[in-house]
Every structure is written in structure tokens, then in C-alpha cells.
Amino acid sequence: FYQPSREMPATFTALMPALSWIQEH
């Protein structure tokens, strides 16, 4: 049922590398 979409707001996705790094390290 899933149709991929690439319309994620850049302001949200831009921080994900930092959030993931903090979570793991």
C-alpha cells in the first residue's frame, strides 16, 4: 500500500544525522 514520497520538510530531515548520533553515542 505504500507509495514513497520525498516531500519531507528539509528543516526536519536536516537534523536527523545529529539526533541519530546523539542517540547512539
PDB file of all heavy atoms in Angstrom:
ATOM      1  N   PHE A   1       0.809  -1.215   0.000  1.00  0.00           N
ATOM      2  CA  PHE A   1       0.000   0.000   0.000  1.00  0.00           C
ATOM      3  C   PHE A   1       0.846   1.270   0.000  1.00  0.00           C
ATOM      4  O   PHE A   1       0.306   2.363  -0.133  1.00  0.00           O
ATOM      5  CB  PHE A   1      -0.911   0.025   1.245  1.00  0.00           C
ATOM      6  CG  PHE A   1      -1.897  -1.106   1.297  1.00  0.00           C
ATOM      7  CD1 PHE A   1      -1.543  -2.327   1.866  1.00  0.00           C
ATOM      8  CD2 PHE A   1      -3.166  -0.958   0.773  1.00  0.00           C
ATOM      9  CE1 PHE A   1      -2.459  -3.369   1.933  1.00  0.00           C
ATOM     10  CE2 PHE A   1      -4.087  -1.997   0.829  1.00  0.00           C
ATOM     11  CZ  PHE A   1      -3.729  -3.205   1.399  1.00  0.00           C
ATOM     12  N   TYR A   2       2.148   1.105   0.144  1.00  0.00           N
ATOM     13  CA  TYR A   2       2.993   2.288   0.359  1.00  0.00           C
ATOM     14  C   TYR A   2       3.481   2.893  -0.946  1.00  0.00           C
ATOM     15  O   TYR A   2       3.995   2.193  -1.814  1.00  0.00           O
ATOM     16  CB  TYR A   2       4.204   1.921   1.229  1.00  0.00           C
ATOM     17  CG  TYR A   2       5.095   3.105   1.531  1.00  0.00           C
ATOM     18  CD1 TYR A   2       4.587   4.219   2.180  1.00  0.00           C
ATOM     19  CD2 TYR A   2       6.427   3.100   1.149  1.00  0.00           C
ATOM     20  CE1 TYR A   2       5.391   5.309   2.456  1.00  0.00           C
ATOM     21  CE2 TYR A   2       7.243   4.184   1.423  1.00  0.00           C
ATOM     22  CZ  TYR A   2       6.718   5.285   2.076  1.00  0.00           C
ATOM     23  OH  TYR A   2       7.514   6.373   2.342  1.00  0.00           O
ATOM     24  N   GLN A   3       3.319   4.188  -1.053  1.00  0.00           N
ATOM     25  CA  GLN A   3       3.840   4.932  -2.196  1.00  0.00           C
ATOM     26  C   GLN A   3       4.874   5.925  -1.675  1.00  0.00           C
ATOM     27  O   GLN A   3       4.519   6.887  -0.990  1.00  0.00           O
ATOM     28  CB  GLN A   3       2.715   5.684  -2.924  1.00  0.00           C
ATOM     29  CG  GLN A   3       1.682   4.767  -3.553  1.00  0.00           C
ATOM     30  CD  GLN A   3       0.586   5.534  -4.255  1.00  0.00           C
ATOM     31  OE1 GLN A   3       0.456   6.737  -4.104  1.00  0.00           O
ATOM     32  NE2 GLN A   3      -0.201   4.827  -5.041  1.00  0.00           N
ATOM     33  N   PRO A   4       6.151   5.680  -1.955  1.00  0.00           N
ATOM     34  CA  PRO A   4       7.215   6.546  -1.424  1.00  0.00           C
ATOM     35  C   PRO A   4       6.998   8.006  -1.782  1.00  0.00           C
ATOM     36  O   PRO A   4       6.537   8.334  -2.868  1.00  0.00           O
ATOM     37  CB  PRO A   4       8.487   5.990  -2.084  1.00  0.00           C
ATOM     38  CG  PRO A   4       8.147   4.576  -2.415  1.00  0.00           C
ATOM     39  CD  PRO A   4       6.694   4.593  -2.786  1.00  0.00           C
ATOM     40  N   SER A   5       7.337   8.851  -0.846  1.00  0.00           N
ATOM     41  CA  SER A   5       7.251  10.294  -1.071  1.00  0.00           C
ATOM     42  C   SER A   5       8.531  10.937  -0.567  1.00  0.00           C
ATOM     43  O   SER A   5       9.046  10.586   0.494  1.00  0.00           O
ATOM     44  CB  SER A   5       6.059  10.891  -0.323  1.00  0.00           C
ATOM     45  OG  SER A   5       6.082  12.290  -0.372  1.00  0.00           O
ATOM     46  N   ARG A   6       9.048  11.877  -1.327  1.00  0.00           N
ATOM     47  CA  ARG A   6      10.283  12.555  -0.950  1.00  0.00           C
ATOM     48  C   ARG A   6      10.027  14.010  -0.553  1.00  0.00           C
ATOM     49  O   ARG A   6      10.884  14.851  -0.634  1.00  0.00           O
ATOM     50  CB  ARG A   6      11.266  12.525  -2.139  1.00  0.00           C
ATOM     51  CG  ARG A   6      11.771  11.121  -2.451  1.00  0.00           C
ATOM     52  CD  ARG A   6      12.509  10.515  -1.287  1.00  0.00           C
ATOM     53  NE  ARG A   6      12.973   9.169  -1.595  1.00  0.00           N
ATOM     54  CZ  ARG A   6      13.615   8.403  -0.714  1.00  0.00           C
ATOM     55  NH1 ARG A   6      13.839   8.844   0.503  1.00  0.00           N
ATOM     56  NH2 ARG A   6      14.012   7.186  -1.061  1.00  0.00           N
ATOM     57  N   GLU A   7       8.787  14.289  -0.125  1.00  0.00           N
ATOM     58  CA  GLU A   7       8.446  15.668   0.184  1.00  0.00           C
ATOM     59  C   GLU A   7       8.575  15.981   1.669  1.00  0.00           C
ATOM     60  O   GLU A   7       7.799  16.734   2.230  1.00  0.00           O
ATOM     61  CB  GLU A   7       7.020  15.968  -0.283  1.00  0.00           C
ATOM     62  CG  GLU A   7       6.848  15.811  -1.791  1.00  0.00           C
ATOM     63  CD  GLU A   7       5.434  16.093  -2.224  1.00  0.00           C
ATOM     64  OE1 GLU A   7       4.594  16.365  -1.343  1.00  0.00           O
ATOM     65  OE2 GLU A   7       5.181  16.054  -3.437  1.00  0.00           O
ATOM     66  N   MET A   8       9.581  15.383   2.341  1.00  0.00           N
ATOM     67  CA  MET A   8       9.810  15.682   3.743  1.00  0.00           C
ATOM     68  C   MET A   8      10.413  17.072   3.886  1.00  0.00           C
ATOM     69  O   MET A   8      11.329  17.432   3.162  1.00  0.00           O
ATOM     70  CB  MET A   8      10.764  14.649   4.355  1.00  0.00           C
ATOM     71  CG  MET A   8      10.160  13.274   4.491  1.00  0.00           C
ATOM     72  SD  MET A   8       8.709  13.269   5.573  1.00  0.00           S
ATOM     73  CE  MET A   8       9.450  13.777   7.112  1.00  0.00           C
ATOM     74  N   PRO A   9       9.906  17.903   4.815  1.00  0.00           N
ATOM     75  CA  PRO A   9      10.459  19.232   5.003  1.00  0.00           C
ATOM     76  C   PRO A   9      11.943  19.170   5.338  1.00  0.00           C
ATOM     77  O   PRO A   9      12.367  18.412   6.216  1.00  0.00           O
ATOM     78  CB  PRO A   9       9.645  19.784   6.189  1.00  0.00           C
ATOM     79  CG  PRO A   9       8.392  18.973   6.202  1.00  0.00           C
ATOM     80  CD  PRO A   9       8.794  17.612   5.712  1.00  0.00           C
ATOM     81  N   ALA A  10      12.738  19.969   4.654  1.00  0.00           N
ATOM     82  CA  ALA A  10      14.188  19.944   4.851  1.00  0.00           C
ATOM     83  C   ALA A  10      14.565  20.326   6.272  1.00  0.00           C
ATOM     84  O   ALA A  10      15.547  19.827   6.820  1.00  0.00           O
ATOM     85  CB  ALA A  10      14.860  20.891   3.857  1.00  0.00           C
ATOM     86  N   THR A  11      13.770  21.193   6.902  1.00  0.00           N
ATOM     87  CA  THR A  11      14.087  21.607   8.263  1.00  0.00           C
ATOM     88  C   THR A  11      14.002  20.460   9.249  1.00  0.00           C
ATOM     89  O   THR A  11      14.693  20.445  10.259  1.00  0.00           O
ATOM     90  CB  THR A  11      13.136  22.726   8.716  1.00  0.00           C
ATOM     91  OG1 THR A  11      11.779  22.303   8.488  1.00  0.00           O
ATOM     92  CG2 THR A  11      13.391  24.005   7.952  1.00  0.00           C
ATOM     93  N   PHE A  12      13.144  19.472   8.966  1.00  0.00           N
ATOM     94  CA  PHE A  12      13.026  18.310   9.841  1.00  0.00           C
ATOM     95  C   PHE A  12      14.148  17.308   9.582  1.00  0.00           C
ATOM     96  O   PHE A  12      14.803  16.816  10.491  1.00  0.00           O
ATOM     97  CB  PHE A  12      11.679  17.626   9.623  1.00  0.00           C
ATOM     98  CG  PHE A  12      10.509  18.426  10.129  1.00  0.00           C
ATOM     99  CD1 PHE A  12       9.245  18.179   9.632  1.00  0.00           C
ATOM    100  CD2 PHE A  12      10.665  19.407  11.091  1.00  0.00           C
ATOM    101  CE1 PHE A  12       8.142  18.908  10.080  1.00  0.00           C
ATOM    102  CE2 PHE A  12       9.576  20.141  11.553  1.00  0.00           C
ATOM    103  CZ  PHE A  12       8.320  19.890  11.043  1.00  0.00           C
ATOM    104  N   THR A  13      14.361  16.990   8.325  1.00  0.00           N
ATOM    105  CA  THR A  13      15.325  15.948   7.986  1.00  0.00           C
ATOM    106  C   THR A  13      16.767  16.388   8.194  1.00  0.00           C
ATOM    107  O   THR A  13      17.636  15.543   8.417  1.00  0.00           O
ATOM    108  CB  THR A  13      15.148  15.510   6.527  1.00  0.00           C
ATOM    109  OG1 THR A  13      15.320  16.640   5.671  1.00  0.00           O
ATOM    110  CG2 THR A  13      13.770  14.932   6.301  1.00  0.00           C
ATOM    111  N   ALA A  14      17.027  17.683   8.136  1.00  0.00           N
ATOM    112  CA  ALA A  14      18.406  18.167   8.248  1.00  0.00           C
ATOM    113  C   ALA A  14      19.035  17.817   9.587  1.00  0.00           C
ATOM    114  O   ALA A  14      20.255  17.637   9.682  1.00  0.00           O
ATOM    115  CB  ALA A  14      18.455  19.684   8.029  1.00  0.00           C
ATOM    116  N   LEU A  15      18.225  17.697  10.618  1.00  0.00           N
ATOM    117  CA  LEU A  15      18.745  17.445  11.961  1.00  0.00           C
ATOM    118  C   LEU A  15      18.882  15.964  12.292  1.00  0.00           C
ATOM    119  O   LEU A  15      19.480  15.611  13.303  1.00  0.00           O
ATOM    120  CB  LEU A  15      17.840  18.100  13.005  1.00  0.00           C
ATOM    121  CG  LEU A  15      17.769  19.624  12.986  1.00  0.00           C
ATOM    122  CD1 LEU A  15      16.714  20.104  13.967  1.00  0.00           C
ATOM    123  CD2 LEU A  15      19.120  20.236  13.317  1.00  0.00           C
ATOM    124  N   MET A  16      18.341  15.094  11.465  1.00  0.00           N
ATOM    125  CA  MET A  16      18.326  13.675  11.794  1.00  0.00           C
ATOM    126  C   MET A  16      19.710  13.065  12.006  1.00  0.00           C
ATOM    127  O   MET A  16      19.887  12.238  12.900  1.00  0.00           O
ATOM    128  CB  MET A  16      17.557  12.889  10.723  1.00  0.00           C
ATOM    129  CG  MET A  16      16.067  13.202  10.694  1.00  0.00           C
ATOM    130  SD  MET A  16      15.237  13.003  12.296  1.00  0.00           S
ATOM    131  CE  MET A  16      15.432  11.241  12.574  1.00  0.00           C
ATOM    132  N   PRO A  17      20.750  13.435  11.219  1.00  0.00           N
ATOM    133  CA  PRO A  17      22.077  12.871  11.496  1.00  0.00           C
ATOM    134  C   PRO A  17      22.570  13.175  12.907  1.00  0.00           C
ATOM    135  O   PRO A  17      23.162  12.319  13.569  1.00  0.00           O
ATOM    136  CB  PRO A  17      22.967  13.533  10.429  1.00  0.00           C
ATOM    137  CG  PRO A  17      22.038  13.850   9.311  1.00  0.00           C
ATOM    138  CD  PRO A  17      20.746  14.248   9.977  1.00  0.00           C
ATOM    139  N   ALA A  18      22.308  14.391  13.382  1.00  0.00           N
ATOM    140  CA  ALA A  18      22.729  14.761  14.731  1.00  0.00           C
ATOM    141  C   ALA A  18      21.923  14.020  15.781  1.00  0.00           C
ATOM    142  O   ALA A  18      22.471  13.527  16.777  1.00  0.00           O
ATOM    143  CB  ALA A  18      22.604  16.265  14.932  1.00  0.00           C
ATOM    144  N   LEU A  19      20.615  13.924  15.581  1.00  0.00           N
ATOM    145  CA  LEU A  19      19.763  13.226  16.542  1.00  0.00           C
ATOM    146  C   LEU A  19      20.129  11.752  16.641  1.00  0.00           C
ATOM    147  O   LEU A  19      20.185  11.181  17.730  1.00  0.00           O
ATOM    148  CB  LEU A  19      18.293  13.383  16.143  1.00  0.00           C
ATOM    149  CG  LEU A  19      17.730  14.815  16.195  1.00  0.00           C
ATOM    150  CD1 LEU A  19      16.323  14.843  15.626  1.00  0.00           C
ATOM    151  CD2 LEU A  19      17.743  15.340  17.618  1.00  0.00           C
ATOM    152  N   SER A  20      20.392  11.142  15.495  1.00  0.00           N
ATOM    153  CA  SER A  20      20.780   9.729  15.487  1.00  0.00           C
ATOM    154  C   SER A  20      22.130   9.533  16.177  1.00  0.00           C
ATOM    155  O   SER A  20      22.328   8.563  16.920  1.00  0.00           O
ATOM    156  CB  SER A  20      20.843   9.207  14.053  1.00  0.00           C
ATOM    157  OG  SER A  20      19.574   9.260  13.444  1.00  0.00           O
ATOM    158  N   TRP A  21      23.051  10.462  15.927  1.00  0.00           N
ATOM    159  CA  TRP A  21      24.382  10.352  16.540  1.00  0.00           C
ATOM    160  C   TRP A  21      24.280  10.472  18.061  1.00  0.00           C
ATOM    161  O   TRP A  21      24.900   9.698  18.799  1.00  0.00           O
ATOM    162  CB  TRP A  21      25.306  11.427  15.979  1.00  0.00           C
ATOM    163  CG  TRP A  21      26.669  11.406  16.602  1.00  0.00           C
ATOM    164  CD1 TRP A  21      27.114  12.187  17.631  1.00  0.00           C
ATOM    165  CD2 TRP A  21      27.759  10.535  16.280  1.00  0.00           C
ATOM    166  NE1 TRP A  21      28.404  11.859  17.960  1.00  0.00           N
ATOM    167  CE2 TRP A  21      28.821  10.851  17.153  1.00  0.00           C
ATOM    168  CE3 TRP A  21      27.924   9.528  15.329  1.00  0.00           C
ATOM    169  CZ2 TRP A  21      30.050  10.188  17.086  1.00  0.00           C
ATOM    170  CZ3 TRP A  21      29.152   8.870  15.274  1.00  0.00           C
ATOM    171  CH2 TRP A  21      30.185   9.201  16.140  1.00  0.00           C
ATOM    172  N   ILE A  22      23.518  11.441  18.548  1.00  0.00           N
ATOM    173  CA  ILE A  22      23.351  11.602  19.993  1.00  0.00           C
ATOM    174  C   ILE A  22      22.721  10.359  20.601  1.00  0.00           C
ATOM    175  O   ILE A  22      23.135   9.880  21.658  1.00  0.00           O
ATOM    176  CB  ILE A  22      22.498  12.846  20.295  1.00  0.00           C
ATOM    177  CG1 ILE A  22      23.250  14.121  19.904  1.00  0.00           C
ATOM    178  CG2 ILE A  22      22.122  12.892  21.773  1.00  0.00           C
ATOM    179  CD1 ILE A  22      22.420  15.387  20.037  1.00  0.00           C
ATOM    180  N   GLN A  23      21.715   9.815  19.939  1.00  0.00           N
ATOM    181  CA  GLN A  23      21.037   8.634  20.452  1.00  0.00           C
ATOM    182  C   GLN A  23      21.981   7.456  20.601  1.00  0.00           C
ATOM    183  O   GLN A  23      21.907   6.700  21.567  1.00  0.00           O
ATOM    184  CB  GLN A  23      19.874   8.263  19.526  1.00  0.00           C
ATOM    185  CG  GLN A  23      19.105   7.030  19.952  1.00  0.00           C
ATOM    186  CD  GLN A  23      18.405   7.212  21.282  1.00  0.00           C
ATOM    187  OE1 GLN A  23      18.052   8.333  21.643  1.00  0.00           O
ATOM    188  NE2 GLN A  23      18.202   6.141  22.004  1.00  0.00           N
ATOM    189  N   GLU A  24      22.893   7.276  19.667  1.00  0.00           N
ATOM    190  CA  GLU A  24      23.793   6.124  19.674  1.00  0.00           C
ATOM    191  C   GLU A  24      25.083   6.375  20.448  1.00  0.00           C
ATOM    192  O   GLU A  24      25.707   5.430  20.934  1.00  0.00           O
ATOM    193  CB  GLU A  24      24.131   5.729  18.238  1.00  0.00           C
ATOM    194  CG  GLU A  24      22.927   5.240  17.441  1.00  0.00           C
ATOM    195  CD  GLU A  24      23.293   4.886  16.011  1.00  0.00           C
ATOM    196  OE1 GLU A  24      24.503   4.810  15.712  1.00  0.00           O
ATOM    197  OE2 GLU A  24      22.376   4.689  15.189  1.00  0.00           O
ATOM    198  N   HIS A  25      25.500   7.645  20.577  1.00  0.00           N
ATOM    199  CA  HIS A  25      26.815   7.947  21.166  1.00  0.00           C
ATOM    200  C   HIS A  25      26.721   8.985  22.273  1.00  0.00           C
ATOM    201  O   HIS A  25      27.659   9.752  22.478  1.00  0.00           O
ATOM    202  CB  HIS A  25      27.763   8.447  20.070  1.00  0.00           C
ATOM    203  CG  HIS A  25      27.907   7.519  18.911  1.00  0.00           C
ATOM    204  ND1 HIS A  25      28.706   6.394  18.945  1.00  0.00           N
ATOM    205  CD2 HIS A  25      27.342   7.537  17.679  1.00  0.00           C
ATOM    206  CE1 HIS A  25      28.642   5.767  17.781  1.00  0.00           C
ATOM    207  NE2 HIS A  25      27.816   6.436  16.998  1.00  0.00           N
TER     208      HIS A  25
END
